[in-house]
């Protein structure tokens, strides 16, 4: 009798242990299957935008936020929070030092952010190699453009006839592109600084204070499309990718003669190659970065997203994935110190 009890107890114990083990495996498997889905479920993702509301940077960030939430695991709400200042440097400094390292806080910047690290390291207190680059939906062609009444037809005409260009501060491409062209080509360009961005300079153009400015071709498509269609605007030169909206505009590289000059122009082109990037702070888990990059890439294939960008911003989607961005940033930050020093001296930085 005791032997039967012992056998029954042993058998029951085995059944209980087996049940507990199977239940444990089921829980682990369920958690594993759902881990990707619950990474962002019931959470909120914030995109810190390094510009004020309105304009290309803010508009494109809001389009991205509205579509990217459809592709992140768990479909979290993705919101935009503006943090303007210093050409997006204020936002990047904050993201680098203080943002959560769990993939729920991202940065979205003006194209010149990485160049700021090279040109103004005392102000840009982040390391672009440590940021986690997710992707860029729009690359940028930066132009020098003037009104049709300006006393030039080409950039070389400014060797004889002075033009007045509006700009913000010396750290902005609004200043750096015309300043570089002026020095390399010995042009008569008067640069008036102190304007608060392209929109304010455009108003100054309408008031007759300045002839033009250096800004993204996408800005004109968004803010003054009529100037493009009625010939009110003349493009003089550009840096970055060639844009079909201005097929006859010469690249600044075509107007110089030496490799040294082309190397200096490449410093200005860093932002054009990067475009408007989305990135995460250092130290986020690899799985979070993979989720973010995958969601971004899937969004880029969404016809509704493409249509939203093209209709709202009047610009094509010209994407760069996260790996490509990493390589561009690494190459930019490997620019020889002597080239950076000469560029800073030339621009008065």
C-alpha atoms as a PDB file:
ATOM      1  CA  UNK A   1       0.000   0.000   0.000  1.00  0.00           C
ATOM      2  CA  UNK A   2       2.774   2.401   0.909  1.00  0.00           C
ATOM      3  CA  UNK A   3       4.545   1.471  -2.305  1.00  0.00           C
ATOM      4  CA  UNK A   4       1.411   2.357  -4.315  1.00  0.00           C
ATOM      5  CA  UNK A   5       1.175   5.709  -2.534  1.00  0.00           C
ATOM      6  CA  UNK A   6       4.825   6.404  -3.279  1.00  0.00           C
ATOM      7  CA  UNK A   7       4.380   5.574  -6.975  1.00  0.00           C
ATOM      8  CA  UNK A   8       1.199   7.669  -7.193  1.00  0.00           C
ATOM      9  CA  UNK A   9       2.874  10.623  -5.455  1.00  0.00           C
ATOM     10  CA  UNK A  10       5.914  10.384  -7.745  1.00  0.00           C
ATOM     11  CA  UNK A  11       3.740  10.227 -10.846  1.00  0.00           C
ATOM     12  CA  UNK A  12       1.610  13.179  -9.705  1.00  0.00           C
ATOM     13  CA  UNK A  13       4.718  15.217  -8.959  1.00  0.00           C
ATOM     14  CA  UNK A  14       6.045  14.522 -12.441  1.00  0.00           C
ATOM     15  CA  UNK A  15       2.748  15.641 -13.955  1.00  0.00           C
ATOM     16  CA  UNK A  16       2.752  18.857 -11.935  1.00  0.00           C
ATOM     17  CA  UNK A  17       6.371  19.616 -12.852  1.00  0.00           C
ATOM     18  CA  UNK A  18       5.681  18.905 -16.494  1.00  0.00           C
ATOM     19  CA  UNK A  19       2.606  21.148 -16.435  1.00  0.00           C
ATOM     20  CA  UNK A  20       4.549  23.966 -14.788  1.00  0.00           C
ATOM     21  CA  UNK A  21       7.402  23.610 -17.294  1.00  0.00           C
ATOM     22  CA  UNK A  22       5.047  23.585 -20.292  1.00  0.00           C
ATOM     23  CA  UNK A  23       3.175  26.587 -18.912  1.00  0.00           C
ATOM     24  CA  UNK A  24       6.470  28.416 -18.416  1.00  0.00           C
ATOM     25  CA  UNK A  25       7.485  27.673 -22.011  1.00  0.00           C
ATOM     26  CA  UNK A  26       4.112  28.907 -23.243  1.00  0.00           C
ATOM     27  CA  UNK A  27       4.503  32.174 -21.372  1.00  0.00           C
ATOM     28  CA  UNK A  28       8.054  32.662 -22.669  1.00  0.00           C
ATOM     29  CA  UNK A  29       6.953  31.894 -26.226  1.00  0.00           C
ATOM     30  CA  UNK A  30       4.011  34.268 -25.996  1.00  0.00           C
ATOM     31  CA  UNK A  31       6.228  37.001 -24.626  1.00  0.00           C
ATOM     32  CA  UNK A  32       8.744  36.362 -27.375  1.00  0.00           C
ATOM     33  CA  UNK A  33       6.083  36.484 -30.067  1.00  0.00           C
ATOM     34  CA  UNK A  34       4.611  39.691 -28.676  1.00  0.00           C
ATOM     35  CA  UNK A  35       7.840  41.452 -27.673  1.00  0.00           C
ATOM     36  CA  UNK A  36       8.131  43.284 -30.954  1.00  0.00           C
ATOM     37  CA  UNK A  37       4.471  44.297 -30.835  1.00  0.00           C
ATOM     38  CA  UNK A  38       4.653  45.592 -27.280  1.00  0.00           C
ATOM     39  CA  UNK A  39       7.877  47.593 -27.627  1.00  0.00           C
ATOM     40  CA  UNK A  40       5.859  50.678 -28.584  1.00  0.00           C
ATOM     41  CA  UNK A  41       2.308  49.651 -27.709  1.00  0.00           C
ATOM     42  CA  UNK A  42       0.594  52.114 -25.375  1.00  0.00           C
ATOM     43  CA  UNK A  43       3.594  54.421 -25.606  1.00  0.00           C
ATOM     44  CA  UNK A  44       4.228  57.734 -27.313  1.00  0.00           C
ATOM     45  CA  UNK A  45       7.113  58.583 -29.613  1.00  0.00           C
ATOM     46  CA  UNK A  46       8.207  62.226 -29.712  1.00  0.00           C
ATOM     47  CA  UNK A  47      10.096  63.755 -32.623  1.00  0.00           C
ATOM     48  CA  UNK A  48      12.015  66.829 -31.495  1.00  0.00           C
ATOM     49  CA  UNK A  49      12.160  69.192 -34.470  1.00  0.00           C
ATOM     50  CA  UNK A  50      15.058  71.621 -34.512  1.00  0.00           C
ATOM     51  CA  UNK A  51      13.117  74.474 -36.090  1.00  0.00           C
ATOM     52  CA  UNK A  52      10.118  76.689 -35.469  1.00  0.00           C
ATOM     53  CA  UNK A  53       6.660  75.691 -36.758  1.00  0.00           C
ATOM     54  CA  UNK A  54       6.183  76.165 -40.496  1.00  0.00           C
ATOM     55  CA  UNK A  55       8.703  75.761 -43.281  1.00  0.00           C
ATOM     56  CA  UNK A  56      10.260  72.688 -44.830  1.00  0.00           C
ATOM     57  CA  UNK A  57      11.719  71.159 -41.657  1.00  0.00           C
ATOM     58  CA  UNK A  58       8.569  71.343 -39.544  1.00  0.00           C
ATOM     59  CA  UNK A  59       6.205  70.418 -42.381  1.00  0.00           C
ATOM     60  CA  UNK A  60       8.173  67.338 -43.426  1.00  0.00           C
ATOM     61  CA  UNK A  61       8.572  66.225 -39.797  1.00  0.00           C
ATOM     62  CA  UNK A  62       4.811  66.307 -39.267  1.00  0.00           C
ATOM     63  CA  UNK A  63       4.181  64.290 -42.420  1.00  0.00           C
ATOM     64  CA  UNK A  64       6.735  61.697 -41.283  1.00  0.00           C
ATOM     65  CA  UNK A  65       5.200  61.522 -37.795  1.00  0.00           C
ATOM     66  CA  UNK A  66       1.731  60.945 -39.225  1.00  0.00           C
ATOM     67  CA  UNK A  67       2.814  58.026 -41.394  1.00  0.00           C
ATOM     68  CA  UNK A  68       5.612  56.429 -39.396  1.00  0.00           C
ATOM     69  CA  UNK A  69       3.293  55.547 -36.515  1.00  0.00           C
ATOM     70  CA  UNK A  70       1.527  53.147 -38.888  1.00  0.00           C
ATOM     71  CA  UNK A  71       4.686  51.074 -39.264  1.00  0.00           C
ATOM     72  CA  UNK A  72       6.182  51.019 -35.772  1.00  0.00           C
ATOM     73  CA  UNK A  73       5.414  47.851 -33.772  1.00  0.00           C
ATOM     74  CA  UNK A  74       2.362  48.486 -31.617  1.00  0.00           C
ATOM     75  CA  UNK A  75       1.359  51.554 -33.665  1.00  0.00           C
ATOM     76  CA  UNK A  76       2.223  54.180 -31.042  1.00  0.00           C
ATOM     77  CA  UNK A  77       1.195  57.808 -31.358  1.00  0.00           C
ATOM     78  CA  UNK A  78       4.049  59.819 -32.880  1.00  0.00           C
ATOM     79  CA  UNK A  79       3.982  63.523 -32.032  1.00  0.00           C
ATOM     80  CA  UNK A  80       6.125  66.511 -32.981  1.00  0.00           C
ATOM     81  CA  UNK A  81       7.647  68.930 -30.489  1.00  0.00           C
ATOM     82  CA  UNK A  82       9.436  71.996 -31.829  1.00  0.00           C
ATOM     83  CA  UNK A  83      12.777  72.891 -30.265  1.00  0.00           C
ATOM     84  CA  UNK A  84      14.256  75.638 -32.473  1.00  0.00           C
ATOM     85  CA  UNK A  85      17.591  77.342 -32.034  1.00  0.00           C
ATOM     86  CA  UNK A  86      21.062  77.443 -33.503  1.00  0.00           C
ATOM     87  CA  UNK A  87      20.258  75.701 -36.775  1.00  0.00           C
ATOM     88  CA  UNK A  88      18.949  72.620 -34.868  1.00  0.00           C
ATOM     89  CA  UNK A  89      22.054  72.522 -32.639  1.00  0.00           C
ATOM     90  CA  UNK A  90      19.999  73.337 -29.517  1.00  0.00           C
ATOM     91  CA  UNK A  91      17.781  70.329 -30.150  1.00  0.00           C
ATOM     92  CA  UNK A  92      20.690  68.005 -30.985  1.00  0.00           C
ATOM     93  CA  UNK A  93      22.599  69.011 -27.851  1.00  0.00           C
ATOM     94  CA  UNK A  94      19.526  68.231 -25.741  1.00  0.00           C
ATOM     95  CA  UNK A  95      18.861  64.923 -27.489  1.00  0.00           C
ATOM     96  CA  UNK A  96      22.487  63.869 -27.117  1.00  0.00           C
ATOM     97  CA  UNK A  97      22.697  64.669 -23.403  1.00  0.00           C
ATOM     98  CA  UNK A  98      19.232  64.268 -21.940  1.00  0.00           C
ATOM     99  CA  UNK A  99      16.775  62.305 -24.108  1.00  0.00           C
ATOM    100  CA  UNK A 100      15.506  58.846 -23.151  1.00  0.00           C
ATOM    101  CA  UNK A 101      17.581  56.023 -24.640  1.00  0.00           C
ATOM    102  CA  UNK A 102      14.648  53.746 -25.451  1.00  0.00           C
ATOM    103  CA  UNK A 103      13.643  54.798 -28.954  1.00  0.00           C
ATOM    104  CA  UNK A 104      10.752  57.003 -27.820  1.00  0.00           C
ATOM    105  CA  UNK A 105      12.534  60.342 -28.358  1.00  0.00           C
ATOM    106  CA  UNK A 106      13.945  61.131 -31.800  1.00  0.00           C
ATOM    107  CA  UNK A 107      15.517  64.157 -33.443  1.00  0.00           C
ATOM    108  CA  UNK A 108      14.744  65.791 -36.782  1.00  0.00           C
ATOM    109  CA  UNK A 109      17.055  68.534 -37.927  1.00  0.00           C
ATOM    110  CA  UNK A 110      17.986  71.053 -40.545  1.00  0.00           C
ATOM    111  CA  UNK A 111      20.473  69.724 -43.117  1.00  0.00           C
ATOM    112  CA  UNK A 112      23.436  71.658 -41.688  1.00  0.00           C
ATOM    113  CA  UNK A 113      23.597  69.886 -38.325  1.00  0.00           C
ATOM    114  CA  UNK A 114      26.658  67.705 -38.981  1.00  0.00           C
ATOM    115  CA  UNK A 115      28.514  70.578 -40.631  1.00  0.00           C
ATOM    116  CA  UNK A 116      27.947  72.550 -37.428  1.00  0.00           C
ATOM    117  CA  UNK A 117      29.900  69.900 -35.507  1.00  0.00           C
ATOM    118  CA  UNK A 118      32.842  70.444 -37.850  1.00  0.00           C
ATOM    119  CA  UNK A 119      32.677  74.212 -38.121  1.00  0.00           C
ATOM    120  CA  UNK A 120      31.554  75.159 -34.616  1.00  0.00           C
ATOM    121  CA  UNK A 121      32.535  72.364 -32.195  1.00  0.00           C
ATOM    122  CA  UNK A 122      32.311  74.641 -29.159  1.00  0.00           C
ATOM    123  CA  UNK A 123      28.632  75.194 -29.877  1.00  0.00           C
ATOM    124  CA  UNK A 124      27.712  71.756 -31.223  1.00  0.00           C
ATOM    125  CA  UNK A 125      28.213  69.553 -28.168  1.00  0.00           C
ATOM    126  CA  UNK A 126      27.327  66.241 -29.742  1.00  0.00           C
ATOM    127  CA  UNK A 127      29.125  63.601 -31.778  1.00  0.00           C
ATOM    128  CA  UNK A 128      27.433  62.695 -35.040  1.00  0.00           C
ATOM    129  CA  UNK A 129      29.171  59.320 -35.053  1.00  0.00           C
ATOM    130  CA  UNK A 130      27.384  58.412 -31.809  1.00  0.00           C
ATOM    131  CA  UNK A 131      23.906  59.369 -32.999  1.00  0.00           C
ATOM    132  CA  UNK A 132      21.754  56.579 -34.440  1.00  0.00           C
ATOM    133  CA  UNK A 133      20.743  57.599 -37.949  1.00  0.00           C
ATOM    134  CA  UNK A 134      17.324  56.362 -39.084  1.00  0.00           C
ATOM    135  CA  UNK A 135      16.936  57.922 -42.507  1.00  0.00           C
ATOM    136  CA  UNK A 136      16.236  60.990 -44.586  1.00  0.00           C
ATOM    137  CA  UNK A 137      13.219  61.300 -46.872  1.00  0.00           C
ATOM    138  CA  UNK A 138      14.315  64.452 -48.676  1.00  0.00           C
ATOM    139  CA  UNK A 139      17.795  65.482 -49.759  1.00  0.00           C
ATOM    140  CA  UNK A 140      18.358  69.149 -50.453  1.00  0.00           C
ATOM    141  CA  UNK A 141      19.583  71.315 -53.294  1.00  0.00           C
ATOM    142  CA  UNK A 142      20.723  74.673 -51.928  1.00  0.00           C
ATOM    143  CA  UNK A 143      20.730  77.597 -54.326  1.00  0.00           C
ATOM    144  CA  UNK A 144      21.628  81.245 -54.582  1.00  0.00           C
ATOM    145  CA  UNK A 145      18.544  82.843 -56.100  1.00  0.00           C
ATOM    146  CA  UNK A 146      17.695  86.474 -56.840  1.00  0.00           C
ATOM    147  CA  UNK A 147      14.677  88.347 -58.111  1.00  0.00           C
ATOM    148  CA  UNK A 148      14.397  88.981 -61.831  1.00  0.00           C
ATOM    149  CA  UNK A 149      15.091  92.699 -61.333  1.00  0.00           C
ATOM    150  CA  UNK A 150      18.537  92.007 -59.814  1.00  0.00           C
ATOM    151  CA  UNK A 151      21.375  93.447 -61.966  1.00  0.00           C
ATOM    152  CA  UNK A 152      22.787  90.015 -62.889  1.00  0.00           C
ATOM    153  CA  UNK A 153      21.831  87.142 -65.164  1.00  0.00           C
ATOM    154  CA  UNK A 154      24.571  84.759 -64.020  1.00  0.00           C
ATOM    155  CA  UNK A 155      26.702  84.471 -60.903  1.00  0.00           C
ATOM    156  CA  UNK A 156      29.761  85.619 -62.842  1.00  0.00           C
ATOM    157  CA  UNK A 157      27.946  88.890 -63.611  1.00  0.00           C
ATOM    158  CA  UNK A 158      28.390  89.720 -59.929  1.00  0.00           C
ATOM    159  CA  UNK A 159      32.058  90.343 -60.653  1.00  0.00           C
ATOM    160  CA  UNK A 160      30.906  93.616 -62.224  1.00  0.00           C
ATOM    161  CA  UNK A 161      27.499  94.331 -60.673  1.00  0.00           C
ATOM    162  CA  UNK A 162      26.873  94.131 -56.936  1.00  0.00           C
ATOM    163  CA  UNK A 163      24.031  92.046 -55.560  1.00  0.00           C
ATOM    164  CA  UNK A 164      22.666  92.155 -52.016  1.00  0.00           C
ATOM    165  CA  UNK A 165      21.936  88.841 -50.305  1.00  0.00           C
ATOM    166  CA  UNK A 166      19.995  88.433 -47.060  1.00  0.00           C
ATOM    167  CA  UNK A 167      21.148  85.879 -44.475  1.00  0.00           C
ATOM    168  CA  UNK A 168      20.705  84.859 -40.857  1.00  0.00           C
ATOM    169  CA  UNK A 169      23.897  84.178 -38.899  1.00  0.00           C
ATOM    170  CA  UNK A 170      27.338  83.103 -40.056  1.00  0.00           C
ATOM    171  CA  UNK A 171      26.717  79.554 -38.879  1.00  0.00           C
ATOM    172  CA  UNK A 172      23.902  79.077 -41.395  1.00  0.00           C
ATOM    173  CA  UNK A 173      24.160  78.023 -45.030  1.00  0.00           C
ATOM    174  CA  UNK A 174      22.059  81.107 -45.750  1.00  0.00           C
ATOM    175  CA  UNK A 175      25.289  82.983 -45.080  1.00  0.00           C
ATOM    176  CA  UNK A 176      27.942  80.403 -45.892  1.00  0.00           C
ATOM    177  CA  UNK A 177      26.968  79.618 -49.493  1.00  0.00           C
ATOM    178  CA  UNK A 178      27.040  83.231 -50.761  1.00  0.00           C
ATOM    179  CA  UNK A 179      30.104  83.985 -48.625  1.00  0.00           C
ATOM    180  CA  UNK A 180      31.982  81.009 -50.095  1.00  0.00           C
ATOM    181  CA  UNK A 181      30.976  81.960 -53.639  1.00  0.00           C
ATOM    182  CA  UNK A 182      32.044  85.555 -53.019  1.00  0.00           C
ATOM    183  CA  UNK A 183      35.512  84.556 -51.817  1.00  0.00           C
ATOM    184  CA  UNK A 184      36.213  81.821 -54.364  1.00  0.00           C
ATOM    185  CA  UNK A 185      35.000  83.777 -57.394  1.00  0.00           C
ATOM    186  CA  UNK A 186      35.895  87.317 -56.270  1.00  0.00           C
ATOM    187  CA  UNK A 187      32.310  88.536 -56.528  1.00  0.00           C
ATOM    188  CA  UNK A 188      30.646  91.777 -55.509  1.00  0.00           C
ATOM    189  CA  UNK A 189      28.173  90.327 -53.032  1.00  0.00           C
ATOM    190  CA  UNK A 190      26.982  92.320 -50.045  1.00  0.00           C
ATOM    191  CA  UNK A 191      25.613  89.987 -47.364  1.00  0.00           C
ATOM    192  CA  UNK A 192      23.201  91.468 -44.825  1.00  0.00           C
ATOM    193  CA  UNK A 193      22.845  89.218 -41.766  1.00  0.00           C
ATOM    194  CA  UNK A 194      20.362  89.272 -38.909  1.00  0.00           C
ATOM    195  CA  UNK A 195      17.226  87.975 -40.600  1.00  0.00           C
ATOM    196  CA  UNK A 196      15.321  85.220 -38.801  1.00  0.00           C
ATOM    197  CA  UNK A 197      15.297  82.630 -41.552  1.00  0.00           C
ATOM    198  CA  UNK A 198      14.228  82.341 -45.169  1.00  0.00           C
ATOM    199  CA  UNK A 199      10.665  83.577 -44.681  1.00  0.00           C
ATOM    200  CA  UNK A 200      11.832  86.898 -43.257  1.00  0.00           C
ATOM    201  CA  UNK A 201      14.404  87.291 -46.035  1.00  0.00           C
ATOM    202  CA  UNK A 202      11.680  86.666 -48.614  1.00  0.00           C
ATOM    203  CA  UNK A 203       9.686  89.549 -47.153  1.00  0.00           C
ATOM    204  CA  UNK A 204      12.835  91.681 -47.363  1.00  0.00           C
ATOM    205  CA  UNK A 205      13.121  90.727 -51.037  1.00  0.00           C
ATOM    206  CA  UNK A 206       9.549  91.881 -51.586  1.00  0.00           C
ATOM    207  CA  UNK A 207      10.320  95.172 -49.823  1.00  0.00           C
ATOM    208  CA  UNK A 208      13.373  95.721 -52.012  1.00  0.00           C
ATOM    209  CA  UNK A 209      15.904  95.480 -49.163  1.00  0.00           C
ATOM    210  CA  UNK A 210      17.820  92.605 -50.744  1.00  0.00           C
ATOM    211  CA  UNK A 211      17.988  90.970 -54.159  1.00  0.00           C
ATOM    212  CA  UNK A 212      17.910  87.370 -52.979  1.00  0.00           C
ATOM    213  CA  UNK A 213      19.103  84.647 -50.649  1.00  0.00           C
ATOM    214  CA  UNK A 214      20.723  81.216 -50.486  1.00  0.00           C
ATOM    215  CA  UNK A 215      18.196  78.586 -49.468  1.00  0.00           C
ATOM    216  CA  UNK A 216      16.788  75.200 -50.453  1.00  0.00           C
ATOM    217  CA  UNK A 217      15.050  74.977 -53.786  1.00  0.00           C
ATOM    218  CA  UNK A 218      12.296  73.153 -51.875  1.00  0.00           C
ATOM    219  CA  UNK A 219      11.677  76.332 -49.889  1.00  0.00           C
ATOM    220  CA  UNK A 220      10.675  78.187 -53.046  1.00  0.00           C
ATOM    221  CA  UNK A 221       8.419  75.336 -54.167  1.00  0.00           C
ATOM    222  CA  UNK A 222       6.666  75.506 -50.805  1.00  0.00           C
ATOM    223  CA  UNK A 223       6.513  79.243 -50.124  1.00  0.00           C
ATOM    224  CA  UNK A 224       6.549  81.009 -53.508  1.00  0.00           C
ATOM    225  CA  UNK A 225       5.652  78.510 -56.255  1.00  0.00           C
ATOM    226  CA  UNK A 226       4.327  81.385 -58.371  1.00  0.00           C
ATOM    227  CA  UNK A 227       7.825  82.905 -58.490  1.00  0.00           C
ATOM    228  CA  UNK A 228       9.026  79.687 -60.114  1.00  0.00           C
ATOM    229  CA  UNK A 229       6.232  79.564 -62.673  1.00  0.00           C
ATOM    230  CA  UNK A 230       6.210  83.248 -63.657  1.00  0.00           C
ATOM    231  CA  UNK A 231       9.981  83.745 -63.899  1.00  0.00           C
ATOM    232  CA  UNK A 232      10.201  86.133 -60.944  1.00  0.00           C
ATOM    233  CA  UNK A 233      13.129  84.150 -59.517  1.00  0.00           C
ATOM    234  CA  UNK A 234      16.540  83.559 -61.103  1.00  0.00           C
ATOM    235  CA  UNK A 235      18.821  80.748 -59.933  1.00  0.00           C
ATOM    236  CA  UNK A 236      22.527  81.601 -60.066  1.00  0.00           C
ATOM    237  CA  UNK A 237      24.227  78.476 -58.675  1.00  0.00           C
ATOM    238  CA  UNK A 238      23.678  75.500 -56.392  1.00  0.00           C
ATOM    239  CA  UNK A 239      25.333  72.878 -54.220  1.00  0.00           C
ATOM    240  CA  UNK A 240      23.975  69.387 -53.650  1.00  0.00           C
ATOM    241  CA  UNK A 241      22.168  67.100 -56.097  1.00  0.00           C
ATOM    242  CA  UNK A 242      21.036  68.469 -59.450  1.00  0.00           C
ATOM    243  CA  UNK A 243      17.341  69.328 -59.388  1.00  0.00           C
ATOM    244  CA  UNK A 244      15.070  68.927 -62.441  1.00  0.00           C
ATOM    245  CA  UNK A 245      13.213  72.088 -61.436  1.00  0.00           C
ATOM    246  CA  UNK A 246      16.294  74.103 -62.461  1.00  0.00           C
ATOM    247  CA  UNK A 247      18.089  71.962 -65.064  1.00  0.00           C
ATOM    248  CA  UNK A 248      20.280  74.746 -66.463  1.00  0.00           C
ATOM    249  CA  UNK A 249      21.583  76.072 -63.147  1.00  0.00           C
ATOM    250  CA  UNK A 250      25.386  75.553 -62.818  1.00  0.00           C
ATOM    251  CA  UNK A 251      26.875  73.777 -59.821  1.00  0.00           C
ATOM    252  CA  UNK A 252      29.318  75.931 -57.868  1.00  0.00           C
ATOM    253  CA  UNK A 253      31.978  73.288 -58.597  1.00  0.00           C
ATOM    254  CA  UNK A 254      31.668  74.099 -62.297  1.00  0.00           C
ATOM    255  CA  UNK A 255      32.628  77.722 -61.663  1.00  0.00           C
ATOM    256  CA  UNK A 256      35.918  77.080 -59.843  1.00  0.00           C
ATOM    257  CA  UNK A 257      39.172  75.694 -61.205  1.00  0.00           C
ATOM    258  CA  UNK A 258      41.214  73.979 -58.454  1.00  0.00           C
ATOM    259  CA  UNK A 259      40.805  70.869 -56.301  1.00  0.00           C
ATOM    260  CA  UNK A 260      41.423  72.975 -53.196  1.00  0.00           C
ATOM    261  CA  UNK A 261      38.373  75.075 -54.065  1.00  0.00           C
ATOM    262  CA  UNK A 262      36.290  71.965 -54.725  1.00  0.00           C
ATOM    263  CA  UNK A 263      37.315  70.543 -51.346  1.00  0.00           C
ATOM    264  CA  UNK A 264      36.049  73.717 -49.684  1.00  0.00           C
ATOM    265  CA  UNK A 265      32.761  73.464 -51.556  1.00  0.00           C
ATOM    266  CA  UNK A 266      32.393  69.859 -50.366  1.00  0.00           C
ATOM    267  CA  UNK A 267      32.238  71.175 -46.802  1.00  0.00           C
ATOM    268  CA  UNK A 268      29.168  73.195 -47.798  1.00  0.00           C
ATOM    269  CA  UNK A 269      27.654  70.124 -49.461  1.00  0.00           C
ATOM    270  CA  UNK A 270      27.597  68.005 -46.311  1.00  0.00           C
ATOM    271  CA  UNK A 271      24.098  69.168 -45.455  1.00  0.00           C
ATOM    272  CA  UNK A 272      22.888  68.761 -49.028  1.00  0.00           C
ATOM    273  CA  UNK A 273      23.946  65.109 -49.016  1.00  0.00           C
ATOM    274  CA  UNK A 274      22.289  64.444 -45.660  1.00  0.00           C
ATOM    275  CA  UNK A 275      19.031  66.290 -46.263  1.00  0.00           C
ATOM    276  CA  UNK A 276      16.543  66.454 -43.399  1.00  0.00           C
ATOM    277  CA  UNK A 277      17.554  63.510 -41.184  1.00  0.00           C
ATOM    278  CA  UNK A 278      15.679  61.563 -38.531  1.00  0.00           C
ATOM    279  CA  UNK A 279      17.897  60.146 -35.795  1.00  0.00           C
ATOM    280  CA  UNK A 280      17.899  58.711 -32.285  1.00  0.00           C
ATOM    281  CA  UNK A 281      20.201  59.479 -29.354  1.00  0.00           C
ATOM    282  CA  UNK A 282      23.221  57.324 -28.519  1.00  0.00           C
ATOM    283  CA  UNK A 283      22.744  54.128 -26.571  1.00  0.00           C
ATOM    284  CA  UNK A 284      19.329  52.933 -27.704  1.00  0.00           C
ATOM    285  CA  UNK A 285      18.963  49.125 -27.923  1.00  0.00           C
ATOM    286  CA  UNK A 286      19.837  47.588 -31.284  1.00  0.00           C
ATOM    287  CA  UNK A 287      16.349  46.116 -31.608  1.00  0.00           C
ATOM    288  CA  UNK A 288      14.825  49.573 -31.237  1.00  0.00           C
ATOM    289  CA  UNK A 289      17.081  50.988 -33.934  1.00  0.00           C
ATOM    290  CA  UNK A 290      16.149  48.102 -36.236  1.00  0.00           C
ATOM    291  CA  UNK A 291      12.442  48.743 -35.615  1.00  0.00           C
ATOM    292  CA  UNK A 292      12.837  52.464 -36.306  1.00  0.00           C
ATOM    293  CA  UNK A 293      14.811  51.945 -39.508  1.00  0.00           C
ATOM    294  CA  UNK A 294      12.414  49.282 -40.758  1.00  0.00           C
ATOM    295  CA  UNK A 295       9.391  51.489 -40.053  1.00  0.00           C
ATOM    296  CA  UNK A 296      11.043  54.427 -41.821  1.00  0.00           C
ATOM    297  CA  UNK A 297      11.907  52.329 -44.879  1.00  0.00           C
ATOM    298  CA  UNK A 298       8.388  50.889 -45.046  1.00  0.00           C
ATOM    299  CA  UNK A 299       6.946  54.393 -44.816  1.00  0.00           C
ATOM    300  CA  UNK A 300       9.058  55.458 -47.801  1.00  0.00           C
ATOM    301  CA  UNK A 301       7.310  52.793 -49.906  1.00  0.00           C
ATOM    302  CA  UNK A 302       3.846  54.052 -48.943  1.00  0.00           C
ATOM    303  CA  UNK A 303       2.266  55.772 -51.947  1.00  0.00           C
ATOM    304  CA  UNK A 304       0.119  57.871 -49.633  1.00  0.00           C
ATOM    305  CA  UNK A 305       3.268  59.184 -47.932  1.00  0.00           C
ATOM    306  CA  UNK A 306       4.888  59.996 -51.273  1.00  0.00           C
ATOM    307  CA  UNK A 307       1.749  61.815 -52.396  1.00  0.00           C
ATOM    308  CA  UNK A 308       1.566  63.745 -49.109  1.00  0.00           C
ATOM    309  CA  UNK A 309       5.142  64.981 -49.475  1.00  0.00           C
ATOM    310  CA  UNK A 310       4.752  65.900 -53.124  1.00  0.00           C
ATOM    311  CA  UNK A 311       1.393  67.650 -52.678  1.00  0.00           C
ATOM    312  CA  UNK A 312       2.118  69.433 -49.385  1.00  0.00           C
ATOM    313  CA  UNK A 313       5.716  70.413 -50.071  1.00  0.00           C
ATOM    314  CA  UNK A 314       5.843  70.361 -53.873  1.00  0.00           C
ATOM    315  CA  UNK A 315       9.059  68.378 -53.728  1.00  0.00           C
ATOM    316  CA  UNK A 316       9.921  64.781 -54.659  1.00  0.00           C
ATOM    317  CA  UNK A 317      10.828  62.121 -52.115  1.00  0.00           C
ATOM    318  CA  UNK A 318      14.586  61.525 -52.471  1.00  0.00           C
ATOM    319  CA  UNK A 319      15.386  59.109 -49.645  1.00  0.00           C
ATOM    320  CA  UNK A 320      18.554  57.968 -47.895  1.00  0.00           C
ATOM    321  CA  UNK A 321      18.428  54.998 -45.525  1.00  0.00           C
ATOM    322  CA  UNK A 322      20.063  54.863 -42.110  1.00  0.00           C
ATOM    323  CA  UNK A 323      23.150  52.916 -43.181  1.00  0.00           C
ATOM    324  CA  UNK A 324      23.843  55.357 -46.004  1.00  0.00           C
ATOM    325  CA  UNK A 325      23.427  58.268 -43.600  1.00  0.00           C
ATOM    326  CA  UNK A 326      25.941  56.689 -41.222  1.00  0.00           C
ATOM    327  CA  UNK A 327      28.464  56.465 -44.042  1.00  0.00           C
ATOM    328  CA  UNK A 328      27.869  60.056 -45.185  1.00  0.00           C
ATOM    329  CA  UNK A 329      28.257  61.357 -41.636  1.00  0.00           C
ATOM    330  CA  UNK A 330      31.413  59.336 -41.037  1.00  0.00           C
ATOM    331  CA  UNK A 331      32.926  60.592 -44.292  1.00  0.00           C
ATOM    332  CA  UNK A 332      31.999  64.194 -43.485  1.00  0.00           C
ATOM    333  CA  UNK A 333      33.500  64.003 -40.010  1.00  0.00           C
ATOM    334  CA  UNK A 334      36.709  62.646 -41.565  1.00  0.00           C
ATOM    335  CA  UNK A 335      37.258  65.860 -43.555  1.00  0.00           C
ATOM    336  CA  UNK A 336      40.930  66.896 -43.198  1.00  0.00           C
ATOM    337  CA  UNK A 337      41.496  69.457 -40.475  1.00  0.00           C
ATOM    338  CA  UNK A 338      43.326  71.797 -42.844  1.00  0.00           C
ATOM    339  CA  UNK A 339      40.261  71.966 -45.107  1.00  0.00           C
ATOM    340  CA  UNK A 340      38.000  72.748 -42.157  1.00  0.00           C
ATOM    341  CA  UNK A 341      40.407  75.400 -40.882  1.00  0.00           C
ATOM    342  CA  UNK A 342      40.586  77.093 -44.282  1.00  0.00           C
ATOM    343  CA  UNK A 343      36.800  76.986 -44.684  1.00  0.00           C
ATOM    344  CA  UNK A 344      36.307  78.563 -41.254  1.00  0.00           C
ATOM    345  CA  UNK A 345      38.818  81.305 -42.012  1.00  0.00           C
ATOM    346  CA  UNK A 346      37.223  81.986 -45.369  1.00  0.00           C
ATOM    347  CA  UNK A 347      33.768  82.249 -43.771  1.00  0.00           C
ATOM    348  CA  UNK A 348      34.928  84.250 -40.768  1.00  0.00           C
ATOM    349  CA  UNK A 349      33.933  81.613 -38.221  1.00  0.00           C
END
